[in-house]
C-alpha atoms as a PDB file:
ATOM      1  CA  MET A   1       0.000   0.000   0.000  1.00  0.00           C
ATOM      2  CA  ALA A   2       2.857   2.383   0.775  1.00  0.00           C
ATOM      3  CA  ASP A   3       4.358   1.606  -2.640  1.00  0.00           C
ATOM      4  CA  ASP A   4       1.132   2.709  -4.332  1.00  0.00           C
ATOM      5  CA  MET A   5       1.297   6.006  -2.494  1.00  0.00           C
ATOM      6  CA  GLN A   6       4.871   6.573  -3.618  1.00  0.00           C
ATOM      7  CA  VAL A   7       3.939   5.813  -7.218  1.00  0.00           C
ATOM      8  CA  GLU A   8       1.050   8.268  -7.085  1.00  0.00           C
ATOM      9  CA  VAL A   9       3.250  10.918  -5.540  1.00  0.00           C
ATOM     10  CA  GLY A  10       5.924  10.210  -8.151  1.00  0.00           C
ATOM     11  CA  GLN A  11       3.426  10.486 -10.996  1.00  0.00           C
ATOM     12  CA  HIS A  12       2.069  13.702  -9.524  1.00  0.00           C
ATOM     13  CA  GLN A  13       5.550  15.190  -9.391  1.00  0.00           C
ATOM     14  CA  VAL A  14       6.170  14.223 -13.019  1.00  0.00           C
ATOM     15  CA  ALA A  15       2.868  15.801 -14.034  1.00  0.00           C
ATOM     16  CA  GLU A  16       3.836  19.036 -12.280  1.00  0.00           C
ATOM     17  CA  LYS A  17       7.191  19.121 -14.036  1.00  0.00           C
ATOM     18  CA  THR A  18       5.634  18.624 -17.477  1.00  0.00           C
ATOM     19  CA  GLU A  19       3.122  21.406 -16.852  1.00  0.00           C
ATOM     20  CA  GLY A  20       5.815  23.853 -15.795  1.00  0.00           C
ATOM     21  CA  ARG A  21       3.956  26.975 -16.916  1.00  0.00           C
ATOM     22  CA  ALA A  22       2.495  29.250 -14.253  1.00  0.00           C
ATOM     23  CA  LEU A  23      -1.133  30.303 -14.325  1.00  0.00           C
ATOM     24  CA  ASN A  24      -1.549  34.009 -15.033  1.00  0.00           C
ATOM     25  CA  MET A  25      -3.379  35.492 -12.040  1.00  0.00           C
ATOM     26  CA  LYS A  26      -4.598  38.515 -13.991  1.00  0.00           C
ATOM     27  CA  ALA A  27      -6.583  36.074 -16.130  1.00  0.00           C
ATOM     28  CA  VAL A  28      -8.086  34.483 -13.017  1.00  0.00           C
ATOM     29  CA  TRP A  29      -9.060  37.864 -11.568  1.00  0.00           C
ATOM     30  CA  SER A  30     -10.473  38.892 -14.922  1.00  0.00           C
ATOM     31  CA  VAL A  31     -12.924  35.986 -14.766  1.00  0.00           C
ATOM     32  CA  ILE A  32     -13.821  36.653 -11.127  1.00  0.00           C
ATOM     33  CA  LEU A  33     -14.493  40.344 -11.764  1.00  0.00           C
ATOM     34  CA  GLY A  34     -16.307  39.505 -15.007  1.00  0.00           C
ATOM     35  CA  ILE A  35     -18.699  37.279 -13.067  1.00  0.00           C
ATOM     36  CA  LEU A  36     -19.259  40.036 -10.518  1.00  0.00           C
ATOM     37  CA  GLY A  37     -19.843  42.468 -13.373  1.00  0.00           C
ATOM     38  CA  LEU A  38     -22.672  40.278 -14.666  1.00  0.00           C
ATOM     39  CA  THR A  39     -24.809  41.404 -11.741  1.00  0.00           C
ATOM     40  CA  GLY A  40     -25.287  44.706 -13.525  1.00  0.00           C
ATOM     41  CA  ILE A  41     -24.642  46.564 -10.305  1.00  0.00           C
ATOM     42  CA  LEU A  42     -20.859  46.337 -10.275  1.00  0.00           C
ATOM     43  CA  PHE A  43     -20.149  47.899 -13.666  1.00  0.00           C
ATOM     44  CA  ALA A  44     -16.681  48.947 -12.447  1.00  0.00           C
ATOM     45  CA  ALA A  45     -15.852  45.248 -11.970  1.00  0.00           C
ATOM     46  CA  ALA A  46     -16.829  44.606 -15.597  1.00  0.00           C
ATOM     47  CA  ILE A  47     -14.568  47.387 -16.856  1.00  0.00           C
ATOM     48  CA  ILE A  48     -11.648  46.165 -14.744  1.00  0.00           C
ATOM     49  CA  ALA A  49     -12.267  42.604 -16.004  1.00  0.00           C
ATOM     50  CA  ILE A  50     -11.885  43.802 -19.599  1.00  0.00           C
ATOM     51  CA  PHE A  51      -8.609  45.592 -18.880  1.00  0.00           C
ATOM     52  CA  LEU A  52      -7.214  42.721 -16.799  1.00  0.00           C
ATOM     53  CA  GLY A  53      -8.138  40.203 -19.499  1.00  0.00           C
ATOM     54  CA  ARG A  54      -6.391  42.225 -22.196  1.00  0.00           C
ATOM     55  CA  SER A  55      -3.336  42.724 -20.001  1.00  0.00           C
ATOM     56  CA  ALA A  56      -3.271  39.006 -19.172  1.00  0.00           C
ATOM     57  CA  ASN A  57      -3.405  38.117 -22.883  1.00  0.00           C
ATOM     58  CA  GLU A  58      -0.362  40.316 -23.531  1.00  0.00           C
ATOM     59  CA  GLU A  59       1.545  38.780 -20.612  1.00  0.00           C
ATOM     60  CA  ILE A  60       0.602  35.254 -21.654  1.00  0.00           C
ATOM     61  CA  GLY A  61       1.841  35.944 -25.175  1.00  0.00           C
ATOM     62  CA  SER A  62       5.202  37.163 -23.929  1.00  0.00           C
ATOM     63  CA  THR A  63       5.771  34.724 -21.043  1.00  0.00           C
ATOM     64  CA  GLY A  64       4.016  31.574 -22.273  1.00  0.00           C
ATOM     65  CA  ALA A  65       2.027  31.280 -19.035  1.00  0.00           C
ATOM     66  CA  ARG A  66      -1.268  29.397 -18.901  1.00  0.00           C
ATOM     67  CA  GLY A  67      -4.654  31.134 -18.767  1.00  0.00           C
ATOM     68  CA  GLU A  68      -5.359  32.325 -22.299  1.00  0.00           C
ATOM     69  CA  GLY A  69      -8.873  30.874 -22.171  1.00  0.00           C
ATOM     70  CA  LEU A  70      -9.497  32.448 -18.786  1.00  0.00           C
ATOM     71  CA  ALA A  71      -8.361  35.833 -20.075  1.00  0.00           C
ATOM     72  CA  ARG A  72     -10.715  35.585 -23.065  1.00  0.00           C
ATOM     73  CA  THR A  73     -13.557  34.490 -20.788  1.00  0.00           C
ATOM     74  CA  GLY A  74     -12.922  37.453 -18.493  1.00  0.00           C
ATOM     75  CA  ILE A  75     -13.012  39.836 -21.455  1.00  0.00           C
ATOM     76  CA  VAL A  76     -16.295  38.383 -22.733  1.00  0.00           C
ATOM     77  CA  LEU A  77     -17.853  38.415 -19.261  1.00  0.00           C
ATOM     78  CA  GLY A  78     -16.658  41.988 -18.767  1.00  0.00           C
ATOM     79  CA  TRP A  79     -18.225  43.217 -22.001  1.00  0.00           C
ATOM     80  CA  THR A  80     -21.432  41.316 -21.228  1.00  0.00           C
ATOM     81  CA  GLY A  81     -21.568  42.765 -17.717  1.00  0.00           C
ATOM     82  CA  LEU A  82     -20.924  46.244 -19.067  1.00  0.00           C
ATOM     83  CA  GLY A  83     -23.769  45.802 -21.535  1.00  0.00           C
ATOM     84  CA  ILE A  84     -26.111  44.635 -18.781  1.00  0.00           C
ATOM     85  CA  SER A  85     -25.088  47.598 -16.615  1.00  0.00           C
ATOM     86  CA  LEU A  86     -25.736  50.074 -19.415  1.00  0.00           C
ATOM     87  CA  LEU A  87     -29.095  48.431 -20.149  1.00  0.00           C
ATOM     88  CA  LEU A  88     -30.117  48.701 -16.493  1.00  0.00           C
ATOM     89  CA  ILE A  89     -29.019  52.340 -16.344  1.00  0.00           C
ATOM     90  CA  GLY A  90     -30.991  53.032 -19.524  1.00  0.00           C
ATOM     91  CA  LEU A  91     -34.089  51.381 -18.067  1.00  0.00           C
ATOM     92  CA  LEU A  92     -33.795  53.465 -14.908  1.00  0.00           C
ATOM     93  CA  LEU A  93     -33.504  56.700 -16.887  1.00  0.00           C
ATOM     94  CA  ILE A  94     -36.545  56.072 -19.088  1.00  0.00           C
ATOM     95  CA  PRO A  95     -39.531  57.806 -17.551  1.00  0.00           C
ATOM     96  CA  GLY A  96     -42.281  55.280 -16.911  1.00  0.00           C
ATOM     97  CA  GLY A  97     -46.020  55.570 -16.861  1.00  0.00           C
ATOM     98  CA  SER A  98     -48.375  57.878 -18.699  1.00  0.00           C
END
């Protein structure tokens, strides 16, 4: 049983070495803020998500880090959240009733 544990640990260490590329944290934060921006209330989070996602894409291109998909997702979520925020602001500004 102890041998199995050593093999699993050994395989895990090999897997870590083959990965080798760090995850870009700007991409992670871009997704987190993009999700918060989808509420429509935190439009600043959506804007920051867009900028962080673009910055993460540039860093990933130059460093080879992981997270390109996360950066793109953060950008898309940011733009979607910004659109929702603008729609909600527009709905609040339209005078209702007759």
